[in-house]
Amino acid sequence: FAGSYFTLADNANLAGKKLKAGEYQVNLKKDQAEITNPDGKTIKVPVKVEQAATKFPNTFAITKPGTGGVDLIEIDLGGSTNRLIFGQ
């Protein structure tokens, strides 16, 4: 899987890490997502991969309100049917 880019409109929490608003790259490596920030720093996070019925037209980051801001809970990978679910 080649990397996809997504944008966070607000700061978000992911697996105890703080992600600042901005553009990120995500790569899927087996059961882990590697998320790289604009400074080139990468975090590895366990992920559950689910298949959607149809391909996603674009890569989207999905957040929900959490304690201390918003939590990144899912990334839908554009051009594929892969849905990355965090915190499962």
C-alpha atoms as a PDB file:
ATOM      1  CA  PHE A   1       0.000   0.000   0.000  1.00  0.00           C
ATOM      2  CA  ALA A   2       1.418   3.387  -1.034  1.00  0.00           C
ATOM      3  CA  GLY A   3       0.980   6.266   1.385  1.00  0.00           C
ATOM      4  CA  SER A   4      -2.046   8.522   1.448  1.00  0.00           C
ATOM      5  CA  TYR A   5      -2.322  12.046   2.751  1.00  0.00           C
ATOM      6  CA  PHE A   6      -4.979  13.426   5.071  1.00  0.00           C
ATOM      7  CA  THR A   7      -5.550  16.741   6.806  1.00  0.00           C
ATOM      8  CA  LEU A   8      -6.550  17.362  10.397  1.00  0.00           C
ATOM      9  CA  ALA A   9      -8.501  20.606  10.744  1.00  0.00           C
ATOM     10  CA  ASP A  10      -7.980  20.607  14.527  1.00  0.00           C
ATOM     11  CA  ASN A  11      -5.481  19.143  16.977  1.00  0.00           C
ATOM     12  CA  ALA A  12      -6.347  15.506  17.701  1.00  0.00           C
ATOM     13  CA  ASN A  13      -5.432  12.698  20.084  1.00  0.00           C
ATOM     14  CA  LEU A  14      -4.344   9.286  18.833  1.00  0.00           C
ATOM     15  CA  ALA A  15      -3.176   6.458  21.085  1.00  0.00           C
ATOM     16  CA  GLY A  16      -1.951   8.859  23.758  1.00  0.00           C
ATOM     17  CA  LYS A  17      -0.169  11.081  21.228  1.00  0.00           C
ATOM     18  CA  LYS A  18      -1.088  14.644  20.296  1.00  0.00           C
ATOM     19  CA  LEU A  19      -1.340  15.391  16.587  1.00  0.00           C
ATOM     20  CA  LYS A  20      -1.319  19.051  15.594  1.00  0.00           C
ATOM     21  CA  ALA A  21      -3.661  20.353  12.936  1.00  0.00           C
ATOM     22  CA  GLY A  22      -2.079  19.940   9.505  1.00  0.00           C
ATOM     23  CA  GLU A  23      -1.348  17.471   6.720  1.00  0.00           C
ATOM     24  CA  TYR A  24      -0.112  13.956   7.476  1.00  0.00           C
ATOM     25  CA  GLN A  25       0.920  10.898   5.523  1.00  0.00           C
ATOM     26  CA  VAL A  26      -0.346   7.461   6.513  1.00  0.00           C
ATOM     27  CA  ASN A  27       1.138   4.125   5.466  1.00  0.00           C
ATOM     28  CA  LEU A  28      -0.338   0.746   6.326  1.00  0.00           C
ATOM     29  CA  LYS A  29       2.151  -1.933   7.416  1.00  0.00           C
ATOM     30  CA  LYS A  30       0.268  -5.148   8.262  1.00  0.00           C
ATOM     31  CA  ASP A  31      -1.634  -4.337  11.468  1.00  0.00           C
ATOM     32  CA  GLN A  32       0.000  -0.952  12.098  1.00  0.00           C
ATOM     33  CA  ALA A  33      -0.529   2.513  10.703  1.00  0.00           C
ATOM     34  CA  GLU A  34       2.560   4.679  10.324  1.00  0.00           C
ATOM     35  CA  ILE A  35       1.568   8.336  10.535  1.00  0.00           C
ATOM     36  CA  THR A  36       4.151  10.934   9.522  1.00  0.00           C
ATOM     37  CA  ASN A  37       3.781  14.591  10.443  1.00  0.00           C
ATOM     38  CA  PRO A  38       4.982  17.565   8.350  1.00  0.00           C
ATOM     39  CA  ASP A  39       8.290  17.552  10.281  1.00  0.00           C
ATOM     40  CA  GLY A  40       8.999  13.972   9.189  1.00  0.00           C
ATOM     41  CA  LYS A  41       8.381  12.379  12.609  1.00  0.00           C
ATOM     42  CA  THR A  42       6.545   9.058  12.436  1.00  0.00           C
ATOM     43  CA  ILE A  43       4.394   7.325  15.015  1.00  0.00           C
ATOM     44  CA  LYS A  44       3.253   3.713  14.727  1.00  0.00           C
ATOM     45  CA  VAL A  45      -0.211   2.856  15.961  1.00  0.00           C
ATOM     46  CA  PRO A  46      -2.033  -0.502  16.046  1.00  0.00           C
ATOM     47  CA  VAL A  47      -4.945  -0.490  13.634  1.00  0.00           C
ATOM     48  CA  LYS A  48      -7.858  -2.690  12.621  1.00  0.00           C
ATOM     49  CA  VAL A  49      -8.453  -2.765   8.860  1.00  0.00           C
ATOM     50  CA  GLU A  50     -12.017  -3.092   7.627  1.00  0.00           C
ATOM     51  CA  GLN A  51     -13.240  -3.286   4.039  1.00  0.00           C
ATOM     52  CA  ALA A  52     -15.952  -0.947   2.768  1.00  0.00           C
ATOM     53  CA  ALA A  53     -18.436  -1.939   0.046  1.00  0.00           C
ATOM     54  CA  THR A  54     -17.069   0.656  -2.402  1.00  0.00           C
ATOM     55  CA  LYS A  55     -13.831   2.555  -2.921  1.00  0.00           C
ATOM     56  CA  PHE A  56     -13.372   5.849  -1.116  1.00  0.00           C
ATOM     57  CA  PRO A  57     -12.927   8.778  -3.546  1.00  0.00           C
ATOM     58  CA  ASN A  58     -10.533  10.614  -1.183  1.00  0.00           C
ATOM     59  CA  THR A  59      -8.651   9.969   2.032  1.00  0.00           C
ATOM     60  CA  PHE A  60     -10.605  11.219   5.049  1.00  0.00           C
ATOM     61  CA  ALA A  61      -9.727  11.458   8.724  1.00  0.00           C
ATOM     62  CA  ILE A  62     -12.713  10.968  11.016  1.00  0.00           C
ATOM     63  CA  THR A  63     -12.654  12.381  14.534  1.00  0.00           C
ATOM     64  CA  LYS A  64     -15.051  12.459  17.463  1.00  0.00           C
ATOM     65  CA  PRO A  65     -15.177  14.580  20.615  1.00  0.00           C
ATOM     66  CA  GLY A  66     -13.036  13.115  23.372  1.00  0.00           C
ATOM     67  CA  THR A  67     -11.485  14.117  26.643  1.00  0.00           C
ATOM     68  CA  GLY A  68      -9.103  17.004  26.081  1.00  0.00           C
ATOM     69  CA  GLY A  69     -10.155  17.692  22.480  1.00  0.00           C
ATOM     70  CA  VAL A  70     -10.973  15.379  19.585  1.00  0.00           C
ATOM     71  CA  ASP A  71      -9.872  11.794  19.035  1.00  0.00           C
ATOM     72  CA  LEU A  72      -8.821  10.440  15.644  1.00  0.00           C
ATOM     73  CA  ILE A  73     -10.860   7.253  15.331  1.00  0.00           C
ATOM     74  CA  GLU A  74     -10.737   6.330  11.641  1.00  0.00           C
ATOM     75  CA  ILE A  75      -8.998   7.006   8.344  1.00  0.00           C
ATOM     76  CA  ASP A  76     -10.699   6.030   5.082  1.00  0.00           C
ATOM     77  CA  LEU A  77      -8.061   5.503   2.400  1.00  0.00           C
ATOM     78  CA  GLY A  78      -8.861   7.154  -0.931  1.00  0.00           C
ATOM     79  CA  GLY A  79      -8.714   4.915  -3.992  1.00  0.00           C
ATOM     80  CA  SER A  80      -9.211   1.792  -1.887  1.00  0.00           C
ATOM     81  CA  THR A  81     -11.852   0.060   0.200  1.00  0.00           C
ATOM     82  CA  ASN A  82      -9.597   0.105   3.279  1.00  0.00           C
ATOM     83  CA  ARG A  83     -10.900   1.717   6.444  1.00  0.00           C
ATOM     84  CA  LEU A  84      -8.366   2.072   9.291  1.00  0.00           C
ATOM     85  CA  ILE A  85     -10.014   1.891  12.719  1.00  0.00           C
ATOM     86  CA  PHE A  86      -8.074   3.066  15.792  1.00  0.00           C
ATOM     87  CA  GLY A  87      -8.656   2.132  19.418  1.00  0.00           C
ATOM     88  CA  GLN A  88     -10.270  -1.249  18.779  1.00  0.00           C
END
